[in-house]
C-alpha atoms as a PDB file:
ATOM      1  CA  UNK A   1      14.510 -44.817  12.436  1.00  0.00           C
ATOM      2  CA  UNK A   2      13.530 -41.807  10.909  1.00  0.00           C
ATOM      3  CA  UNK A   3      10.151 -39.975  10.950  1.00  0.00           C
ATOM      4  CA  UNK A   4      10.023 -41.173   7.281  1.00  0.00           C
ATOM      5  CA  UNK A   5      10.732 -44.638   8.026  1.00  0.00           C
ATOM      6  CA  UNK A   6       8.260 -45.196  10.368  1.00  0.00           C
ATOM      7  CA  UNK A   7       5.524 -43.882   8.696  1.00  0.00           C
ATOM      8  CA  UNK A   8       6.344 -45.945   5.562  1.00  0.00           C
ATOM      9  CA  UNK A   9       6.862 -49.096   7.806  1.00  0.00           C
ATOM     10  CA  UNK A  10       3.018 -48.076   9.049  1.00  0.00           C
ATOM     11  CA  UNK A  11       1.634 -47.898   5.811  1.00  0.00           C
ATOM     12  CA  UNK A  12       2.862 -51.183   4.090  1.00  0.00           C
ATOM     13  CA  UNK A  13       1.876 -53.634   7.273  1.00  0.00           C
ATOM     14  CA  UNK A  14       1.019 -56.768   5.922  1.00  0.00           C
ATOM     15  CA  UNK A  15      -0.133 -59.989   7.125  1.00  0.00           C
ATOM     16  CA  UNK A  16       0.561 -63.816   6.196  1.00  0.00           C
ATOM     17  CA  UNK A  17      -2.195 -66.394   6.099  1.00  0.00           C
ATOM     18  CA  UNK A  18      -2.856 -69.647   4.848  1.00  0.00           C
ATOM     19  CA  UNK A  19      -6.419 -70.142   3.503  1.00  0.00           C
ATOM     20  CA  UNK A  20      -8.266 -73.703   3.337  1.00  0.00           C
ATOM     21  CA  UNK A  21      -6.463 -74.529  -0.058  1.00  0.00           C
ATOM     22  CA  UNK A  22      -3.621 -74.315   1.947  1.00  0.00           C
ATOM     23  CA  UNK A  23      -2.178 -71.235  -0.251  1.00  0.00           C
ATOM     24  CA  UNK A  24       0.163 -68.587   1.656  1.00  0.00           C
ATOM     25  CA  UNK A  25      -1.571 -65.329   0.770  1.00  0.00           C
ATOM     26  CA  UNK A  26       0.017 -62.080   1.812  1.00  0.00           C
ATOM     27  CA  UNK A  27      -2.357 -59.410   2.702  1.00  0.00           C
ATOM     28  CA  UNK A  28      -2.569 -55.820   3.326  1.00  0.00           C
ATOM     29  CA  UNK A  29      -4.361 -53.088   4.272  1.00  0.00           C
ATOM     30  CA  UNK A  30      -5.511 -50.996   1.185  1.00  0.00           C
ATOM     31  CA  UNK A  31      -4.362 -47.408   1.533  1.00  0.00           C
ATOM     32  CA  UNK A  32      -5.619 -43.924   0.038  1.00  0.00           C
ATOM     33  CA  UNK A  33      -3.578 -44.466  -3.322  1.00  0.00           C
ATOM     34  CA  UNK A  34      -4.672 -48.300  -3.501  1.00  0.00           C
ATOM     35  CA  UNK A  35      -8.644 -46.986  -3.330  1.00  0.00           C
ATOM     36  CA  UNK A  36      -7.860 -44.794  -5.796  1.00  0.00           C
ATOM     37  CA  UNK A  37      -6.578 -46.981  -8.206  1.00  0.00           C
ATOM     38  CA  UNK A  38      -9.185 -49.515  -7.196  1.00  0.00           C
ATOM     39  CA  UNK A  39     -11.910 -47.085  -8.236  1.00  0.00           C
ATOM     40  CA  UNK A  40      -9.867 -46.210 -11.483  1.00  0.00           C
ATOM     41  CA  UNK A  41      -9.733 -49.779 -12.699  1.00  0.00           C
ATOM     42  CA  UNK A  42     -13.315 -50.612 -11.659  1.00  0.00           C
ATOM     43  CA  UNK A  43     -14.303 -47.677 -13.550  1.00  0.00           C
ATOM     44  CA  UNK A  44     -17.827 -45.441 -13.432  1.00  0.00           C
ATOM     45  CA  UNK A  45     -20.374 -47.752 -13.152  1.00  0.00           C
ATOM     46  CA  UNK A  46     -18.428 -50.567 -11.298  1.00  0.00           C
ATOM     47  CA  UNK A  47     -17.320 -47.814  -8.813  1.00  0.00           C
ATOM     48  CA  UNK A  48     -20.812 -47.321  -7.741  1.00  0.00           C
ATOM     49  CA  UNK A  49     -21.806 -50.756  -7.296  1.00  0.00           C
ATOM     50  CA  UNK A  50     -21.022 -51.767  -3.281  1.00  0.00           C
ATOM     51  CA  UNK A  51     -21.057 -55.608  -3.652  1.00  0.00           C
ATOM     52  CA  UNK A  52     -18.374 -55.700  -6.608  1.00  0.00           C
ATOM     53  CA  UNK A  53     -16.481 -52.938  -4.916  1.00  0.00           C
ATOM     54  CA  UNK A  54     -16.337 -54.885  -1.627  1.00  0.00           C
ATOM     55  CA  UNK A  55     -15.406 -57.996  -3.561  1.00  0.00           C
ATOM     56  CA  UNK A  56     -12.594 -56.090  -5.735  1.00  0.00           C
ATOM     57  CA  UNK A  57     -10.982 -54.910  -2.783  1.00  0.00           C
ATOM     58  CA  UNK A  58     -10.229 -58.313  -1.404  1.00  0.00           C
ATOM     59  CA  UNK A  59      -8.406 -59.299  -4.344  1.00  0.00           C
ATOM     60  CA  UNK A  60      -6.541 -55.967  -4.124  1.00  0.00           C
ATOM     61  CA  UNK A  61      -5.629 -56.377  -1.070  1.00  0.00           C
ATOM     62  CA  UNK A  62      -3.231 -59.403  -2.000  1.00  0.00           C
ATOM     63  CA  UNK A  63       0.583 -58.851  -2.117  1.00  0.00           C
ATOM     64  CA  UNK A  64       1.393 -62.596  -3.007  1.00  0.00           C
ATOM     65  CA  UNK A  65       0.159 -65.900  -3.149  1.00  0.00           C
ATOM     66  CA  UNK A  66       2.583 -68.566  -2.370  1.00  0.00           C
ATOM     67  CA  UNK A  67       5.244 -66.143  -1.662  1.00  0.00           C
ATOM     68  CA  UNK A  68       4.904 -65.195  -5.344  1.00  0.00           C
ATOM     69  CA  UNK A  69       4.219 -61.303  -5.586  1.00  0.00           C
ATOM     70  CA  UNK A  70       0.967 -60.554  -7.557  1.00  0.00           C
ATOM     71  CA  UNK A  71       0.629 -56.864  -9.023  1.00  0.00           C
ATOM     72  CA  UNK A  72      -2.362 -54.857  -8.334  1.00  0.00           C
ATOM     73  CA  UNK A  73      -4.717 -55.344 -11.005  1.00  0.00           C
ATOM     74  CA  UNK A  74      -5.347 -52.434 -13.464  1.00  0.00           C
ATOM     75  CA  UNK A  75      -8.304 -53.272 -14.964  1.00  0.00           C
ATOM     76  CA  UNK A  76     -12.067 -55.016 -14.565  1.00  0.00           C
ATOM     77  CA  UNK A  77     -10.568 -58.009 -16.240  1.00  0.00           C
ATOM     78  CA  UNK A  78      -7.582 -58.465 -14.360  1.00  0.00           C
ATOM     79  CA  UNK A  79      -9.595 -57.791 -10.848  1.00  0.00           C
ATOM     80  CA  UNK A  80     -12.131 -60.696 -12.124  1.00  0.00           C
ATOM     81  CA  UNK A  81      -9.243 -62.715 -12.827  1.00  0.00           C
ATOM     82  CA  UNK A  82      -7.431 -62.621  -9.693  1.00  0.00           C
ATOM     83  CA  UNK A  83     -10.954 -63.339  -7.963  1.00  0.00           C
ATOM     84  CA  UNK A  84     -11.284 -66.093  -9.853  1.00  0.00           C
ATOM     85  CA  UNK A  85      -7.964 -67.371  -9.088  1.00  0.00           C
ATOM     86  CA  UNK A  86      -8.500 -66.534  -5.568  1.00  0.00           C
ATOM     87  CA  UNK A  87     -11.894 -68.602  -5.183  1.00  0.00           C
ATOM     88  CA  UNK A  88     -14.123 -68.420  -2.570  1.00  0.00           C
ATOM     89  CA  UNK A  89     -11.416 -70.000  -0.080  1.00  0.00           C
ATOM     90  CA  UNK A  90      -8.860 -67.675  -0.897  1.00  0.00           C
ATOM     91  CA  UNK A  91     -11.453 -64.217  -0.735  1.00  0.00           C
ATOM     92  CA  UNK A  92     -12.989 -65.862   2.818  1.00  0.00           C
ATOM     93  CA  UNK A  93      -9.264 -66.026   4.342  1.00  0.00           C
ATOM     94  CA  UNK A  94      -8.572 -62.434   3.114  1.00  0.00           C
ATOM     95  CA  UNK A  95     -11.622 -61.163   4.466  1.00  0.00           C
ATOM     96  CA  UNK A  96     -11.000 -62.627   7.755  1.00  0.00           C
ATOM     97  CA  UNK A  97      -7.544 -61.547   8.058  1.00  0.00           C
ATOM     98  CA  UNK A  98      -8.642 -57.840   7.280  1.00  0.00           C
ATOM     99  CA  UNK A  99     -11.324 -58.324  10.094  1.00  0.00           C
ATOM    100  CA  UNK A 100      -9.429 -59.819  12.448  1.00  0.00           C
ATOM    101  CA  UNK A 101      -6.500 -57.216  12.029  1.00  0.00           C
ATOM    102  CA  UNK A 102      -9.467 -54.197  12.889  1.00  0.00           C
ATOM    103  CA  UNK A 103      -9.379 -55.155  16.488  1.00  0.00           C
ATOM    104  CA  UNK A 104      -5.813 -54.851  16.683  1.00  0.00           C
ATOM    105  CA  UNK A 105      -4.455 -51.385  16.952  1.00  0.00           C
ATOM    106  CA  UNK A 106      -0.742 -52.020  15.898  1.00  0.00           C
ATOM    107  CA  UNK A 107      -2.403 -53.374  12.413  1.00  0.00           C
ATOM    108  CA  UNK A 108      -4.252 -50.402  11.529  1.00  0.00           C
ATOM    109  CA  UNK A 109      -3.073 -47.830   8.622  1.00  0.00           C
ATOM    110  CA  UNK A 110      -2.676 -44.306   9.335  1.00  0.00           C
ATOM    111  CA  UNK A 111      -2.874 -43.499   5.829  1.00  0.00           C
ATOM    112  CA  UNK A 112       0.080 -40.992   5.708  1.00  0.00           C
ATOM    113  CA  UNK A 113      -0.504 -39.672   9.487  1.00  0.00           C
ATOM    114  CA  UNK A 114       2.165 -40.363  12.252  1.00  0.00           C
ATOM    115  CA  UNK A 115       0.686 -42.997  14.924  1.00  0.00           C
ATOM    116  CA  UNK A 116      -1.495 -41.502  17.122  1.00  0.00           C
ATOM    117  CA  UNK A 117      -3.450 -38.995  14.959  1.00  0.00           C
ATOM    118  CA  UNK A 118      -6.681 -39.968  13.559  1.00  0.00           C
ATOM    119  CA  UNK A 119      -7.187 -40.501   9.866  1.00  0.00           C
END
């Protein structure tokens, strides 16, 4: 594996989960560019609203639902639509998955840095 492949592999780790409705969700931790795009989609007012932004970040973390790819939302209405689609069950499952992976050093993202170099 080349250094570039290692960096890319560490930056796109995903985890598969099942929510309480039985849907298979593929989730990934947001990278720096994802966060920047989330702020852009939210707009200046909502980017300052921590509660809204936290929920939107959960939706942004979705890669696929039932193995069907989900494009990252690019507008406020697309974020809201995805949140509606996920519902409380999906959002809770995503939050749990991201929280559970916080304690696993192998699941952390190094955001463009080599493994072992702090972000």
